[in-house]
Amino acid sequence: MKKLFTTLIGAWMISLTIGYASSSSPALKSSLSSIGVTESLETIKALSGIEKKYGSNVESHYKRYQETQDDYKRVEEKFKSENVPLFFSLIPYTESHFKPRARGPGTAGLWQFTILSAHNFGLSIQKGKDERFDIDLSTDAAIRCLKSLKKEFGSWYLADFAYGMGEGTLRKLIEKNKSNKISVLLNDPSFPSGTKSHFAETLLLDGEVHYSKTVE
């Protein structure tokens, strides 16, 4: 029993020290601001306690981020050159655990494009050659997709929601609530749980990767 207690305490202490400045409010506020959120973090009730709820997943994403620096830098530079918030450059960690050959139910690649969405944003899928598996080409397509969603919905955080749940579902959610405020949408019980976790995990990872050092 004593040995088990010591192991548990050790694991708890490690979890507190694995690069988690992202759990600080300033880092999260900076990340939210980067994607066009003007509401204060304190008023977004659905984000209260996200470190506790999603922290273990983000620790795994952060470890993977550390393991994939060369490839990630290529992705990050593309987002910088296109003036798209770096928040979005981290989506592959929550979508595919940054595995270029990843497959999901009807999806593939870093960005988990469906066949239809891949075609819509310029990727070729042929026998023996699926450009969803190409880091550079699929990232270019993801940037085109996100820019299109930003143009349609008017803000970057709504672009992220649409990326996660689909444009039609987001339109219905906005119409139902007569609002596109993040505090209202995230608080709706019908907001897709997968999109909510995707957003929260990317937010925490972005805070850690891009803003932790600026708020220390």
N, C-alpha and C. Protein backbone atom coordinates (compact mmCIF):
# COMPACT_ATOMS: atom_id res chain seq x y z
N MET A 1 0.83 -1.21 0.00
CA MET A 1 0.00 0.00 0.00
C MET A 1 0.86 1.26 0.00
N LYS A 2 1.93 1.25 0.82
CA LYS A 2 2.82 2.41 0.87
C LYS A 2 3.46 2.65 -0.49
N LYS A 3 3.86 1.56 -1.17
CA LYS A 3 4.48 1.68 -2.48
C LYS A 3 3.50 2.27 -3.49
N LEU A 4 2.23 1.82 -3.43
CA LEU A 4 1.20 2.33 -4.33
C LEU A 4 0.97 3.81 -4.09
N PHE A 5 0.92 4.21 -2.82
CA PHE A 5 0.70 5.62 -2.48
C PHE A 5 1.84 6.49 -3.02
N THR A 6 3.08 5.99 -2.87
CA THR A 6 4.24 6.74 -3.37
C THR A 6 4.19 6.88 -4.88
N THR A 7 3.76 5.81 -5.57
CA THR A 7 3.64 5.85 -7.03
C THR A 7 2.61 6.86 -7.48
N LEU A 8 1.46 6.88 -6.80
CA LEU A 8 0.39 7.81 -7.15
C LEU A 8 0.81 9.25 -6.92
N ILE A 9 1.49 9.51 -5.82
CA ILE A 9 1.96 10.86 -5.53
C ILE A 9 2.97 11.30 -6.59
N GLY A 10 3.86 10.36 -6.97
CA GLY A 10 4.86 10.68 -7.98
C GLY A 10 4.21 11.02 -9.30
N ALA A 11 3.19 10.24 -9.69
CA ALA A 11 2.50 10.51 -10.96
C ALA A 11 1.80 11.86 -10.92
N TRP A 12 1.22 12.18 -9.75
CA TRP A 12 0.53 13.47 -9.59
C TRP A 12 1.51 14.63 -9.72
N MET A 13 2.68 14.49 -9.12
CA MET A 13 3.69 15.56 -9.17
C MET A 13 4.18 15.74 -10.60
N ILE A 14 4.36 14.63 -11.33
CA ILE A 14 4.80 14.72 -12.73
C ILE A 14 3.76 15.47 -13.55
N SER A 15 2.47 15.17 -13.30
CA SER A 15 1.42 15.82 -14.09
C SER A 15 1.40 17.32 -13.87
N LEU A 16 1.91 17.77 -12.72
CA LEU A 16 1.93 19.20 -12.43
C LEU A 16 3.10 19.91 -13.10
N THR A 17 4.07 19.14 -13.56
CA THR A 17 5.28 19.77 -14.09
C THR A 17 5.48 19.56 -15.59
N ILE A 18 4.55 18.86 -16.25
CA ILE A 18 4.72 18.62 -17.69
C ILE A 18 4.22 19.83 -18.47
N GLY A 19 5.07 20.85 -18.53
CA GLY A 19 4.78 21.98 -19.39
C GLY A 19 3.37 22.48 -19.36
N TYR A 20 2.84 22.80 -18.17
CA TYR A 20 1.45 23.18 -18.15
C TYR A 20 1.18 24.61 -17.76
N ALA A 21 1.94 25.52 -18.34
CA ALA A 21 1.60 26.93 -18.18
C ALA A 21 0.28 27.23 -18.87
N SER A 22 -0.15 26.33 -19.77
CA SER A 22 -1.41 26.54 -20.48
C SER A 22 -2.60 26.55 -19.54
N SER A 23 -2.45 26.01 -18.34
CA SER A 23 -3.56 26.01 -17.40
C SER A 23 -3.74 27.37 -16.76
N SER A 24 -2.79 28.29 -16.99
CA SER A 24 -2.93 29.62 -16.43
C SER A 24 -3.87 30.44 -17.29
N SER A 25 -4.67 31.27 -16.63
CA SER A 25 -5.64 32.09 -17.34
C SER A 25 -5.01 32.99 -18.41
N PRO A 26 -3.88 33.65 -18.13
CA PRO A 26 -3.31 34.53 -19.18
C PRO A 26 -3.02 33.81 -20.49
N ALA A 27 -2.51 32.59 -20.42
CA ALA A 27 -2.21 31.85 -21.65
C ALA A 27 -3.49 31.50 -22.40
N LEU A 28 -4.51 31.07 -21.67
CA LEU A 28 -5.78 30.75 -22.31
C LEU A 28 -6.43 31.99 -22.90
N LYS A 29 -6.34 33.10 -22.18
CA LYS A 29 -6.91 34.36 -22.67
C LYS A 29 -6.22 34.78 -23.96
N SER A 30 -4.90 34.61 -24.02
CA SER A 30 -4.16 34.97 -25.24
C SER A 30 -4.57 34.10 -26.40
N SER A 31 -4.76 32.81 -26.14
CA SER A 31 -5.18 31.90 -27.20
C SER A 31 -6.58 32.26 -27.70
N LEU A 32 -7.49 32.52 -26.78
CA LEU A 32 -8.86 32.90 -27.16
C LEU A 32 -8.86 34.19 -27.98
N SER A 33 -8.06 35.15 -27.54
CA SER A 33 -7.98 36.42 -28.26
C SER A 33 -7.47 36.23 -29.68
N SER A 34 -6.53 35.29 -29.86
CA SER A 34 -5.93 35.07 -31.18
C SER A 34 -6.94 34.56 -32.20
N ILE A 35 -8.03 33.94 -31.73
CA ILE A 35 -9.05 33.42 -32.65
C ILE A 35 -10.33 34.26 -32.61
N GLY A 36 -10.19 35.50 -32.14
CA GLY A 36 -11.29 36.45 -32.26
C GLY A 36 -12.32 36.44 -31.16
N VAL A 37 -12.02 35.78 -30.03
CA VAL A 37 -12.96 35.79 -28.91
C VAL A 37 -12.78 37.09 -28.13
N THR A 38 -13.85 37.87 -28.01
CA THR A 38 -13.78 39.15 -27.30
C THR A 38 -14.37 39.06 -25.90
N GLU A 39 -15.09 37.98 -25.60
CA GLU A 39 -15.63 37.80 -24.26
C GLU A 39 -14.52 37.40 -23.29
N SER A 40 -14.68 37.77 -22.03
CA SER A 40 -13.67 37.40 -21.04
C SER A 40 -13.77 35.92 -20.72
N LEU A 41 -12.64 35.32 -20.40
CA LEU A 41 -12.60 33.89 -20.08
C LEU A 41 -13.56 33.57 -18.93
N GLU A 42 -13.67 34.48 -17.98
CA GLU A 42 -14.49 34.24 -16.79
C GLU A 42 -15.97 34.11 -17.13
N THR A 43 -16.40 34.72 -18.23
CA THR A 43 -17.82 34.67 -18.58
C THR A 43 -18.18 33.45 -19.43
N ILE A 44 -17.18 32.69 -19.85
CA ILE A 44 -17.44 31.51 -20.68
C ILE A 44 -17.50 30.30 -19.75
N LYS A 45 -18.67 30.05 -19.19
CA LYS A 45 -18.83 29.03 -18.15
C LYS A 45 -18.42 27.64 -18.63
N ALA A 46 -18.65 27.36 -19.91
CA ALA A 46 -18.35 26.03 -20.43
C ALA A 46 -16.85 25.71 -20.42
N LEU A 47 -16.01 26.75 -20.29
CA LEU A 47 -14.56 26.52 -20.26
C LEU A 47 -14.02 26.44 -18.83
N SER A 48 -14.88 26.58 -17.86
CA SER A 48 -14.45 26.47 -16.47
C SER A 48 -14.03 25.03 -16.17
N GLY A 49 -12.84 24.88 -15.64
CA GLY A 49 -12.35 23.55 -15.27
C GLY A 49 -11.91 22.68 -16.42
N ILE A 50 -11.62 23.27 -17.60
CA ILE A 50 -11.24 22.42 -18.73
C ILE A 50 -9.88 21.76 -18.52
N GLU A 51 -9.01 22.40 -17.70
CA GLU A 51 -7.70 21.78 -17.44
C GLU A 51 -7.88 20.42 -16.78
N LYS A 52 -8.80 20.36 -15.82
CA LYS A 52 -9.03 19.11 -15.10
C LYS A 52 -9.70 18.08 -16.01
N LYS A 53 -10.63 18.53 -16.84
CA LYS A 53 -11.40 17.61 -17.68
C LYS A 53 -10.58 17.07 -18.85
N TYR A 54 -9.76 17.93 -19.47
CA TYR A 54 -9.07 17.54 -20.68
C TYR A 54 -7.55 17.46 -20.51
N GLY A 55 -7.05 17.75 -19.33
CA GLY A 55 -5.61 17.84 -19.11
C GLY A 55 -4.82 16.61 -19.49
N SER A 56 -5.33 15.42 -19.17
CA SER A 56 -4.57 14.20 -19.46
C SER A 56 -4.43 14.00 -20.96
N ASN A 57 -5.48 14.33 -21.72
CA ASN A 57 -5.39 14.23 -23.17
C ASN A 57 -4.37 15.20 -23.73
N VAL A 58 -4.36 16.42 -23.18
CA VAL A 58 -3.45 17.44 -23.69
C VAL A 58 -2.01 17.10 -23.34
N GLU A 59 -1.79 16.46 -22.21
CA GLU A 59 -0.43 16.01 -21.89
C GLU A 59 0.08 15.05 -22.98
N SER A 60 -0.80 14.18 -23.44
CA SER A 60 -0.43 13.25 -24.52
C SER A 60 -0.15 14.01 -25.82
N HIS A 61 -0.99 15.00 -26.12
CA HIS A 61 -0.77 15.80 -27.33
C HIS A 61 0.54 16.58 -27.24
N TYR A 62 0.83 17.10 -26.05
CA TYR A 62 2.05 17.89 -25.88
C TYR A 62 3.29 17.02 -26.04
N LYS A 63 3.21 15.81 -25.53
CA LYS A 63 4.32 14.88 -25.70
C LYS A 63 4.54 14.59 -27.18
N ARG A 64 3.44 14.38 -27.91
CA ARG A 64 3.54 14.13 -29.34
C ARG A 64 4.09 15.35 -30.07
N TYR A 65 3.69 16.53 -29.64
CA TYR A 65 4.21 17.78 -30.20
C TYR A 65 5.74 17.82 -30.05
N GLN A 66 6.23 17.44 -28.90
CA GLN A 66 7.68 17.43 -28.67
C GLN A 66 8.39 16.43 -29.56
N GLU A 67 7.69 15.35 -29.93
CA GLU A 67 8.29 14.30 -30.74
C GLU A 67 8.28 14.60 -32.24
N THR A 68 7.51 15.61 -32.64
CA THR A 68 7.29 15.85 -34.08
C THR A 68 7.70 17.26 -34.49
N GLN A 69 8.71 17.80 -33.86
CA GLN A 69 9.09 19.19 -34.08
C GLN A 69 9.40 19.53 -35.53
N ASP A 70 10.14 18.69 -36.22
CA ASP A 70 10.54 19.01 -37.59
C ASP A 70 9.32 19.15 -38.50
N ASP A 71 8.43 18.16 -38.46
CA ASP A 71 7.24 18.22 -39.30
C ASP A 71 6.30 19.34 -38.85
N TYR A 72 6.17 19.51 -37.53
CA TYR A 72 5.26 20.57 -37.05
C TYR A 72 5.72 21.95 -37.51
N LYS A 73 7.02 22.19 -37.49
CA LYS A 73 7.53 23.51 -37.90
C LYS A 73 7.15 23.83 -39.34
N ARG A 74 7.13 22.81 -40.19
CA ARG A 74 6.69 23.00 -41.57
C ARG A 74 5.23 23.45 -41.61
N VAL A 75 4.42 22.81 -40.79
CA VAL A 75 3.00 23.18 -40.72
C VAL A 75 2.85 24.59 -40.16
N GLU A 76 3.55 24.87 -39.08
CA GLU A 76 3.44 26.17 -38.42
C GLU A 76 3.84 27.32 -39.36
N GLU A 77 4.91 27.12 -40.12
CA GLU A 77 5.37 28.16 -41.04
C GLU A 77 4.33 28.48 -42.11
N LYS A 78 3.60 27.47 -42.55
CA LYS A 78 2.55 27.71 -43.53
C LYS A 78 1.46 28.60 -42.95
N PHE A 79 1.11 28.37 -41.71
CA PHE A 79 0.07 29.19 -41.08
C PHE A 79 0.57 30.62 -40.85
N LYS A 80 1.83 30.75 -40.48
CA LYS A 80 2.39 32.08 -40.31
C LYS A 80 2.36 32.85 -41.62
N SER A 81 2.76 32.19 -42.70
CA SER A 81 2.85 32.87 -43.99
C SER A 81 1.48 33.27 -44.53
N GLU A 82 0.43 32.55 -44.10
CA GLU A 82 -0.93 32.84 -44.56
C GLU A 82 -1.71 33.70 -43.55
N ASN A 83 -1.05 34.11 -42.48
CA ASN A 83 -1.69 34.93 -41.44
C ASN A 83 -2.95 34.29 -40.86
N VAL A 84 -2.87 33.00 -40.68
CA VAL A 84 -3.95 32.25 -40.02
C VAL A 84 -3.47 31.96 -38.60
N PRO A 85 -4.32 32.17 -37.58
CA PRO A 85 -3.89 31.96 -36.20
C PRO A 85 -3.20 30.62 -35.99
N LEU A 86 -2.11 30.64 -35.22
CA LEU A 86 -1.35 29.41 -34.99
C LEU A 86 -2.12 28.39 -34.18
N PHE A 87 -3.17 28.81 -33.52
CA PHE A 87 -4.11 27.88 -32.87
C PHE A 87 -4.44 26.72 -33.81
N PHE A 88 -4.72 27.06 -35.07
CA PHE A 88 -5.17 26.04 -36.03
C PHE A 88 -4.05 25.10 -36.47
N SER A 89 -2.82 25.54 -36.35
CA SER A 89 -1.70 24.68 -36.75
C SER A 89 -1.58 23.47 -35.82
N LEU A 90 -2.25 23.53 -34.67
CA LEU A 90 -2.17 22.45 -33.69
C LEU A 90 -3.33 21.46 -33.80
N ILE A 91 -4.28 21.74 -34.69
CA ILE A 91 -5.42 20.85 -34.85
C ILE A 91 -5.01 19.41 -35.15
N PRO A 92 -3.94 19.16 -35.94
CA PRO A 92 -3.59 17.76 -36.19
C PRO A 92 -3.32 16.93 -34.93
N TYR A 93 -2.92 17.58 -33.85
CA TYR A 93 -2.69 16.81 -32.63
C TYR A 93 -3.99 16.31 -32.03
N THR A 94 -5.05 17.10 -32.14
CA THR A 94 -6.34 16.66 -31.61
C THR A 94 -7.12 15.84 -32.62
N GLU A 95 -6.84 16.02 -33.91
CA GLU A 95 -7.54 15.28 -34.96
C GLU A 95 -6.94 13.90 -35.19
N SER A 96 -5.61 13.84 -35.29
CA SER A 96 -4.97 12.59 -35.72
C SER A 96 -3.76 12.22 -34.87
N HIS A 97 -3.56 12.94 -33.76
CA HIS A 97 -2.36 12.77 -32.93
C HIS A 97 -1.10 13.01 -33.77
N PHE A 98 -1.23 13.89 -34.75
CA PHE A 98 -0.16 14.25 -35.68
C PHE A 98 0.48 13.02 -36.31
N LYS A 99 -0.39 12.17 -36.85
CA LYS A 99 0.07 10.99 -37.58
C LYS A 99 -0.38 11.12 -39.03
N PRO A 100 0.55 11.41 -39.94
CA PRO A 100 0.19 11.66 -41.34
C PRO A 100 -0.58 10.53 -42.02
N ARG A 101 -0.38 9.28 -41.56
CA ARG A 101 -1.06 8.14 -42.18
C ARG A 101 -2.30 7.72 -41.41
N ALA A 102 -2.76 8.54 -40.50
CA ALA A 102 -3.92 8.18 -39.67
C ALA A 102 -5.18 8.03 -40.50
N ARG A 103 -6.01 7.10 -40.10
CA ARG A 103 -7.32 6.91 -40.72
C ARG A 103 -8.40 6.91 -39.64
N GLY A 104 -9.54 7.51 -40.00
CA GLY A 104 -10.70 7.49 -39.12
C GLY A 104 -11.88 6.96 -39.91
N PRO A 105 -13.07 7.01 -39.34
CA PRO A 105 -14.27 6.56 -40.07
C PRO A 105 -14.55 7.49 -41.27
N GLY A 106 -14.08 7.10 -42.43
CA GLY A 106 -14.29 7.90 -43.63
C GLY A 106 -13.37 9.09 -43.77
N THR A 107 -12.34 9.18 -42.93
CA THR A 107 -11.39 10.30 -42.96
C THR A 107 -9.97 9.79 -43.00
N ALA A 108 -9.03 10.69 -43.35
CA ALA A 108 -7.63 10.26 -43.45
C ALA A 108 -6.68 11.44 -43.35
N GLY A 109 -5.46 11.13 -42.91
CA GLY A 109 -4.39 12.12 -42.88
C GLY A 109 -4.33 12.94 -41.62
N LEU A 110 -3.35 13.85 -41.59
CA LEU A 110 -3.17 14.74 -40.44
C LEU A 110 -4.46 15.46 -40.08
N TRP A 111 -5.15 15.95 -41.11
CA TRP A 111 -6.31 16.83 -40.91
C TRP A 111 -7.62 16.08 -40.97
N GLN A 112 -7.56 14.77 -41.18
CA GLN A 112 -8.75 13.92 -41.21
C GLN A 112 -9.83 14.43 -42.17
N PHE A 113 -9.39 14.71 -43.39
CA PHE A 113 -10.31 15.11 -44.44
C PHE A 113 -11.15 13.91 -44.90
N THR A 114 -12.43 14.15 -45.16
CA THR A 114 -13.22 13.17 -45.88
C THR A 114 -12.84 13.25 -47.36
N ILE A 115 -13.30 12.31 -48.16
CA ILE A 115 -13.02 12.36 -49.59
C ILE A 115 -13.63 13.61 -50.21
N LEU A 116 -14.87 13.93 -49.83
CA LEU A 116 -15.55 15.09 -50.39
C LEU A 116 -14.84 16.39 -50.02
N SER A 117 -14.52 16.55 -48.74
CA SER A 117 -13.85 17.79 -48.32
C SER A 117 -12.46 17.90 -48.93
N ALA A 118 -11.79 16.77 -49.11
CA ALA A 118 -10.47 16.79 -49.76
C ALA A 118 -10.58 17.31 -51.18
N HIS A 119 -11.56 16.79 -51.92
CA HIS A 119 -11.76 17.25 -53.29
C HIS A 119 -12.15 18.73 -53.33
N ASN A 120 -13.01 19.14 -52.39
CA ASN A 120 -13.47 20.53 -52.36
C ASN A 120 -12.33 21.53 -52.16
N PHE A 121 -11.27 21.09 -51.49
CA PHE A 121 -10.18 22.01 -51.20
C PHE A 121 -8.88 21.64 -51.90
N GLY A 122 -9.03 20.94 -53.03
CA GLY A 122 -7.93 20.79 -53.95
C GLY A 122 -7.02 19.60 -53.80
N LEU A 123 -7.42 18.61 -53.03
CA LEU A 123 -6.59 17.42 -52.88
C LEU A 123 -7.04 16.33 -53.84
N SER A 124 -6.07 15.62 -54.39
CA SER A 124 -6.35 14.53 -55.31
C SER A 124 -6.32 13.19 -54.56
N ILE A 125 -7.31 12.36 -54.86
CA ILE A 125 -7.35 11.02 -54.27
C ILE A 125 -7.51 10.02 -55.41
N GLN A 126 -6.43 9.31 -55.67
CA GLN A 126 -6.42 8.32 -56.74
C GLN A 126 -5.85 7.01 -56.21
N LYS A 127 -6.03 5.96 -56.96
CA LYS A 127 -5.49 4.68 -56.56
C LYS A 127 -3.98 4.77 -56.43
N GLY A 128 -3.47 4.48 -55.27
CA GLY A 128 -2.04 4.52 -55.03
C GLY A 128 -1.50 5.88 -54.66
N LYS A 129 -2.37 6.92 -54.69
CA LYS A 129 -1.90 8.26 -54.32
C LYS A 129 -3.04 9.06 -53.70
N ASP A 130 -2.97 9.21 -52.40
CA ASP A 130 -3.97 9.96 -51.65
C ASP A 130 -3.27 11.16 -51.01
N GLU A 131 -3.53 12.35 -51.55
CA GLU A 131 -2.83 13.54 -51.07
C GLU A 131 -3.22 13.95 -49.66
N ARG A 132 -4.22 13.32 -49.09
CA ARG A 132 -4.54 13.58 -47.68
C ARG A 132 -3.40 13.14 -46.77
N PHE A 133 -2.55 12.22 -47.27
CA PHE A 133 -1.43 11.72 -46.49
C PHE A 133 -0.16 12.57 -46.66
N ASP A 134 -0.21 13.55 -47.53
CA ASP A 134 0.93 14.44 -47.75
C ASP A 134 0.86 15.62 -46.78
N ILE A 135 1.85 15.77 -45.92
CA ILE A 135 1.81 16.81 -44.89
C ILE A 135 1.64 18.20 -45.49
N ASP A 136 2.43 18.52 -46.50
CA ASP A 136 2.41 19.86 -47.06
C ASP A 136 1.13 20.14 -47.85
N LEU A 137 0.75 19.23 -48.73
CA LEU A 137 -0.44 19.45 -49.54
C LEU A 137 -1.71 19.47 -48.69
N SER A 138 -1.80 18.58 -47.72
CA SER A 138 -3.00 18.55 -46.87
C SER A 138 -3.08 19.77 -45.97
N THR A 139 -1.93 20.28 -45.54
CA THR A 139 -1.93 21.50 -44.73
C THR A 139 -2.37 22.70 -45.56
N ASP A 140 -1.91 22.77 -46.80
CA ASP A 140 -2.37 23.84 -47.68
C ASP A 140 -3.89 23.79 -47.86
N ALA A 141 -4.41 22.58 -48.00
CA ALA A 141 -5.86 22.41 -48.15
C ALA A 141 -6.59 22.81 -46.88
N ALA A 142 -6.02 22.47 -45.73
CA ALA A 142 -6.64 22.83 -44.45
C ALA A 142 -6.71 24.35 -44.29
N ILE A 143 -5.67 25.03 -44.71
CA ILE A 143 -5.65 26.50 -44.64
C ILE A 143 -6.73 27.08 -45.55
N ARG A 144 -6.87 26.53 -46.76
CA ARG A 144 -7.93 26.99 -47.66
C ARG A 144 -9.31 26.76 -47.04
N CYS A 145 -9.47 25.61 -46.42
CA CYS A 145 -10.73 25.27 -45.77
C CYS A 145 -11.05 26.25 -44.63
N LEU A 146 -10.08 26.50 -43.77
CA LEU A 146 -10.29 27.37 -42.63
C LEU A 146 -10.56 28.81 -43.06
N LYS A 147 -9.87 29.26 -44.08
CA LYS A 147 -10.12 30.61 -44.59
C LYS A 147 -11.54 30.72 -45.15
N SER A 148 -11.99 29.67 -45.81
CA SER A 148 -13.34 29.65 -46.36
C SER A 148 -14.37 29.71 -45.23
N LEU A 149 -14.13 28.95 -44.17
CA LEU A 149 -15.05 28.95 -43.03
C LEU A 149 -15.04 30.28 -42.30
N LYS A 150 -13.87 30.90 -42.19
CA LYS A 150 -13.78 32.23 -41.57
C LYS A 150 -14.58 33.24 -42.38
N LYS A 151 -14.48 33.16 -43.69
CA LYS A 151 -15.21 34.09 -44.55
C LYS A 151 -16.72 33.88 -44.40
N GLU A 152 -17.13 32.62 -44.28
CA GLU A 152 -18.56 32.32 -44.18
C GLU A 152 -19.16 32.72 -42.83
N PHE A 153 -18.44 32.46 -41.73
CA PHE A 153 -19.02 32.67 -40.41
C PHE A 153 -18.53 33.94 -39.71
N GLY A 154 -17.47 34.55 -40.21
CA GLY A 154 -17.06 35.86 -39.72
C GLY A 154 -16.07 35.90 -38.59
N SER A 155 -15.72 34.77 -38.02
CA SER A 155 -14.70 34.78 -36.95
C SER A 155 -13.96 33.45 -36.95
N TRP A 156 -12.75 33.49 -36.40
CA TRP A 156 -11.92 32.28 -36.41
C TRP A 156 -12.45 31.21 -35.46
N TYR A 157 -13.00 31.60 -34.32
CA TYR A 157 -13.48 30.55 -33.40
C TYR A 157 -14.69 29.83 -34.00
N LEU A 158 -15.51 30.55 -34.76
CA LEU A 158 -16.63 29.90 -35.44
C LEU A 158 -16.12 29.01 -36.57
N ALA A 159 -15.02 29.40 -37.20
CA ALA A 159 -14.41 28.55 -38.22
C ALA A 159 -13.98 27.22 -37.61
N ASP A 160 -13.43 27.28 -36.40
CA ASP A 160 -13.03 26.05 -35.72
C ASP A 160 -14.24 25.18 -35.40
N PHE A 161 -15.32 25.80 -34.91
CA PHE A 161 -16.52 25.03 -34.61
C PHE A 161 -17.06 24.36 -35.88
N ALA A 162 -17.08 25.13 -36.98
CA ALA A 162 -17.59 24.58 -38.24
C ALA A 162 -16.71 23.44 -38.74
N TYR A 163 -15.39 23.59 -38.56
CA TYR A 163 -14.46 22.53 -38.96
C TYR A 163 -14.78 21.25 -38.20
N GLY A 164 -15.14 21.41 -36.93
CA GLY A 164 -15.38 20.24 -36.10
C GLY A 164 -16.75 19.60 -36.30
N MET A 165 -17.80 20.42 -36.42
CA MET A 165 -19.17 19.88 -36.45
C MET A 165 -19.84 19.95 -37.81
N GLY A 166 -19.24 20.72 -38.74
CA GLY A 166 -19.86 20.91 -40.04
C GLY A 166 -20.64 22.22 -40.09
N GLU A 167 -20.65 22.81 -41.28
CA GLU A 167 -21.30 24.12 -41.44
C GLU A 167 -22.78 24.09 -41.11
N GLY A 168 -23.48 23.05 -41.59
CA GLY A 168 -24.92 22.96 -41.37
C GLY A 168 -25.29 22.89 -39.91
N THR A 169 -24.58 22.09 -39.15
CA THR A 169 -24.86 21.95 -37.72
C THR A 169 -24.60 23.27 -37.00
N LEU A 170 -23.54 23.96 -37.37
CA LEU A 170 -23.25 25.23 -36.71
C LEU A 170 -24.31 26.28 -37.06
N ARG A 171 -24.73 26.33 -38.30
CA ARG A 171 -25.78 27.29 -38.68
C ARG A 171 -27.04 27.06 -37.84
N LYS A 172 -27.43 25.81 -37.67
CA LYS A 172 -28.63 25.48 -36.89
C LYS A 172 -28.45 25.88 -35.43
N LEU A 173 -27.26 25.70 -34.90
CA LEU A 173 -26.98 26.04 -33.51
C LEU A 173 -27.06 27.56 -33.30
N ILE A 174 -26.52 28.31 -34.25
CA ILE A 174 -26.56 29.77 -34.16
C ILE A 174 -28.01 30.26 -34.27
N GLU A 175 -28.76 29.68 -35.20
CA GLU A 175 -30.16 30.07 -35.38
C GLU A 175 -30.98 29.74 -34.13
N LYS A 176 -30.75 28.58 -33.57
CA LYS A 176 -31.48 28.16 -32.37
C LYS A 176 -31.27 29.13 -31.22
N ASN A 177 -30.03 29.59 -31.05
CA ASN A 177 -29.69 30.46 -29.92
C ASN A 177 -29.81 31.94 -30.24
N LYS A 178 -30.04 32.26 -31.53
CA LYS A 178 -30.09 33.66 -31.96
C LYS A 178 -28.82 34.40 -31.53
N SER A 179 -27.71 33.69 -31.55
CA SER A 179 -26.44 34.27 -31.11
C SER A 179 -25.28 33.45 -31.65
N ASN A 180 -24.17 34.14 -31.92
CA ASN A 180 -22.95 33.42 -32.28
C ASN A 180 -21.86 33.61 -31.23
N LYS A 181 -22.25 34.08 -30.05
CA LYS A 181 -21.30 34.28 -28.96
C LYS A 181 -20.79 32.92 -28.46
N ILE A 182 -19.51 32.86 -28.20
CA ILE A 182 -18.92 31.60 -27.78
C ILE A 182 -19.50 31.12 -26.44
N SER A 183 -19.78 32.05 -25.53
CA SER A 183 -20.32 31.67 -24.22
C SER A 183 -21.71 31.05 -24.36
N VAL A 184 -22.48 31.51 -25.33
CA VAL A 184 -23.84 30.99 -25.55
C VAL A 184 -23.78 29.64 -26.26
N LEU A 185 -23.00 29.56 -27.31
CA LEU A 185 -22.95 28.32 -28.10
C LEU A 185 -22.40 27.16 -27.30
N LEU A 186 -21.28 27.36 -26.62
CA LEU A 186 -20.68 26.27 -25.85
C LEU A 186 -21.56 25.81 -24.70
N ASN A 187 -22.45 26.68 -24.24
CA ASN A 187 -23.32 26.35 -23.11
C ASN A 187 -24.57 25.59 -23.54
N ASP A 188 -24.80 25.52 -24.86
CA ASP A 188 -25.97 24.81 -25.36
C ASP A 188 -25.77 23.31 -25.19
N PRO A 189 -26.72 22.60 -24.55
CA PRO A 189 -26.57 21.15 -24.34
C PRO A 189 -26.42 20.36 -25.64
N SER A 190 -26.90 20.93 -26.74
CA SER A 190 -26.81 20.20 -28.01
C SER A 190 -25.51 20.47 -28.77
N PHE A 191 -24.62 21.30 -28.20
CA PHE A 191 -23.32 21.52 -28.82
C PHE A 191 -22.59 20.18 -28.84
N PRO A 192 -22.13 19.71 -29.99
CA PRO A 192 -21.51 18.38 -30.09
C PRO A 192 -20.33 18.21 -29.14
N SER A 193 -20.36 17.15 -28.37
CA SER A 193 -19.32 16.94 -27.36
C SER A 193 -17.95 16.74 -28.00
N GLY A 194 -17.92 16.10 -29.18
CA GLY A 194 -16.64 15.89 -29.85
C GLY A 194 -16.00 17.20 -30.27
N THR A 195 -16.82 18.13 -30.77
CA THR A 195 -16.31 19.44 -31.17
C THR A 195 -15.86 20.23 -29.95
N LYS A 196 -16.59 20.09 -28.86
CA LYS A 196 -16.23 20.81 -27.63
C LYS A 196 -14.88 20.32 -27.10
N SER A 197 -14.67 19.02 -27.08
CA SER A 197 -13.40 18.49 -26.59
C SER A 197 -12.26 18.85 -27.55
N HIS A 198 -12.53 18.78 -28.85
CA HIS A 198 -11.55 19.19 -29.86
C HIS A 198 -11.12 20.64 -29.62
N PHE A 199 -12.09 21.52 -29.39
CA PHE A 199 -11.79 22.94 -29.18
C PHE A 199 -11.02 23.14 -27.87
N ALA A 200 -11.49 22.53 -26.80
CA ALA A 200 -10.85 22.71 -25.49
C ALA A 200 -9.42 22.20 -25.49
N GLU A 201 -9.19 21.05 -26.09
CA GLU A 201 -7.85 20.47 -26.12
C GLU A 201 -6.91 21.31 -26.98
N THR A 202 -7.40 21.80 -28.11
CA THR A 202 -6.57 22.66 -28.96
C THR A 202 -6.26 23.97 -28.24
N LEU A 203 -7.24 24.50 -27.52
CA LEU A 203 -7.06 25.74 -26.77
C LEU A 203 -5.97 25.57 -25.71
N LEU A 204 -6.03 24.50 -24.96
CA LEU A 204 -5.03 24.25 -23.92
C LEU A 204 -3.64 24.04 -24.52
N LEU A 205 -3.59 23.29 -25.62
CA LEU A 205 -2.30 23.03 -26.27
C LEU A 205 -1.72 24.32 -26.84
N ASP A 206 -2.57 25.14 -27.45
CA ASP A 206 -2.12 26.41 -28.00
C ASP A 206 -1.59 27.31 -26.90
N GLY A 207 -2.27 27.34 -25.77
CA GLY A 207 -1.80 28.14 -24.65
C GLY A 207 -0.42 27.72 -24.19
N GLU A 208 -0.21 26.41 -24.16
CA GLU A 208 1.08 25.88 -23.73
C GLU A 208 2.19 26.16 -24.75
N VAL A 209 1.89 25.87 -26.02
CA VAL A 209 2.92 25.93 -27.06
C VAL A 209 3.26 27.38 -27.42
N HIS A 210 2.26 28.23 -27.57
CA HIS A 210 2.48 29.57 -28.14
C HIS A 210 2.43 30.72 -27.15
N TYR A 211 1.89 30.50 -25.94
CA TYR A 211 1.71 31.64 -25.05
C TYR A 211 2.25 31.46 -23.63
N SER A 212 2.64 30.25 -23.26
CA SER A 212 3.09 30.05 -21.88
C SER A 212 4.30 30.90 -21.53
N LYS A 213 5.24 31.02 -22.47
CA LYS A 213 6.46 31.78 -22.18
C LYS A 213 6.20 33.28 -22.15
N THR A 214 5.17 33.73 -22.86
CA THR A 214 4.89 35.17 -22.90
C THR A 214 4.15 35.66 -21.66
N VAL A 215 3.61 34.73 -20.86
CA VAL A 215 2.86 35.16 -19.68
C VAL A 215 3.56 34.79 -18.39
N GLU A 216 4.74 34.21 -18.48
CA GLU A 216 5.47 33.84 -17.27
C GLU A 216 6.01 35.05 -16.55
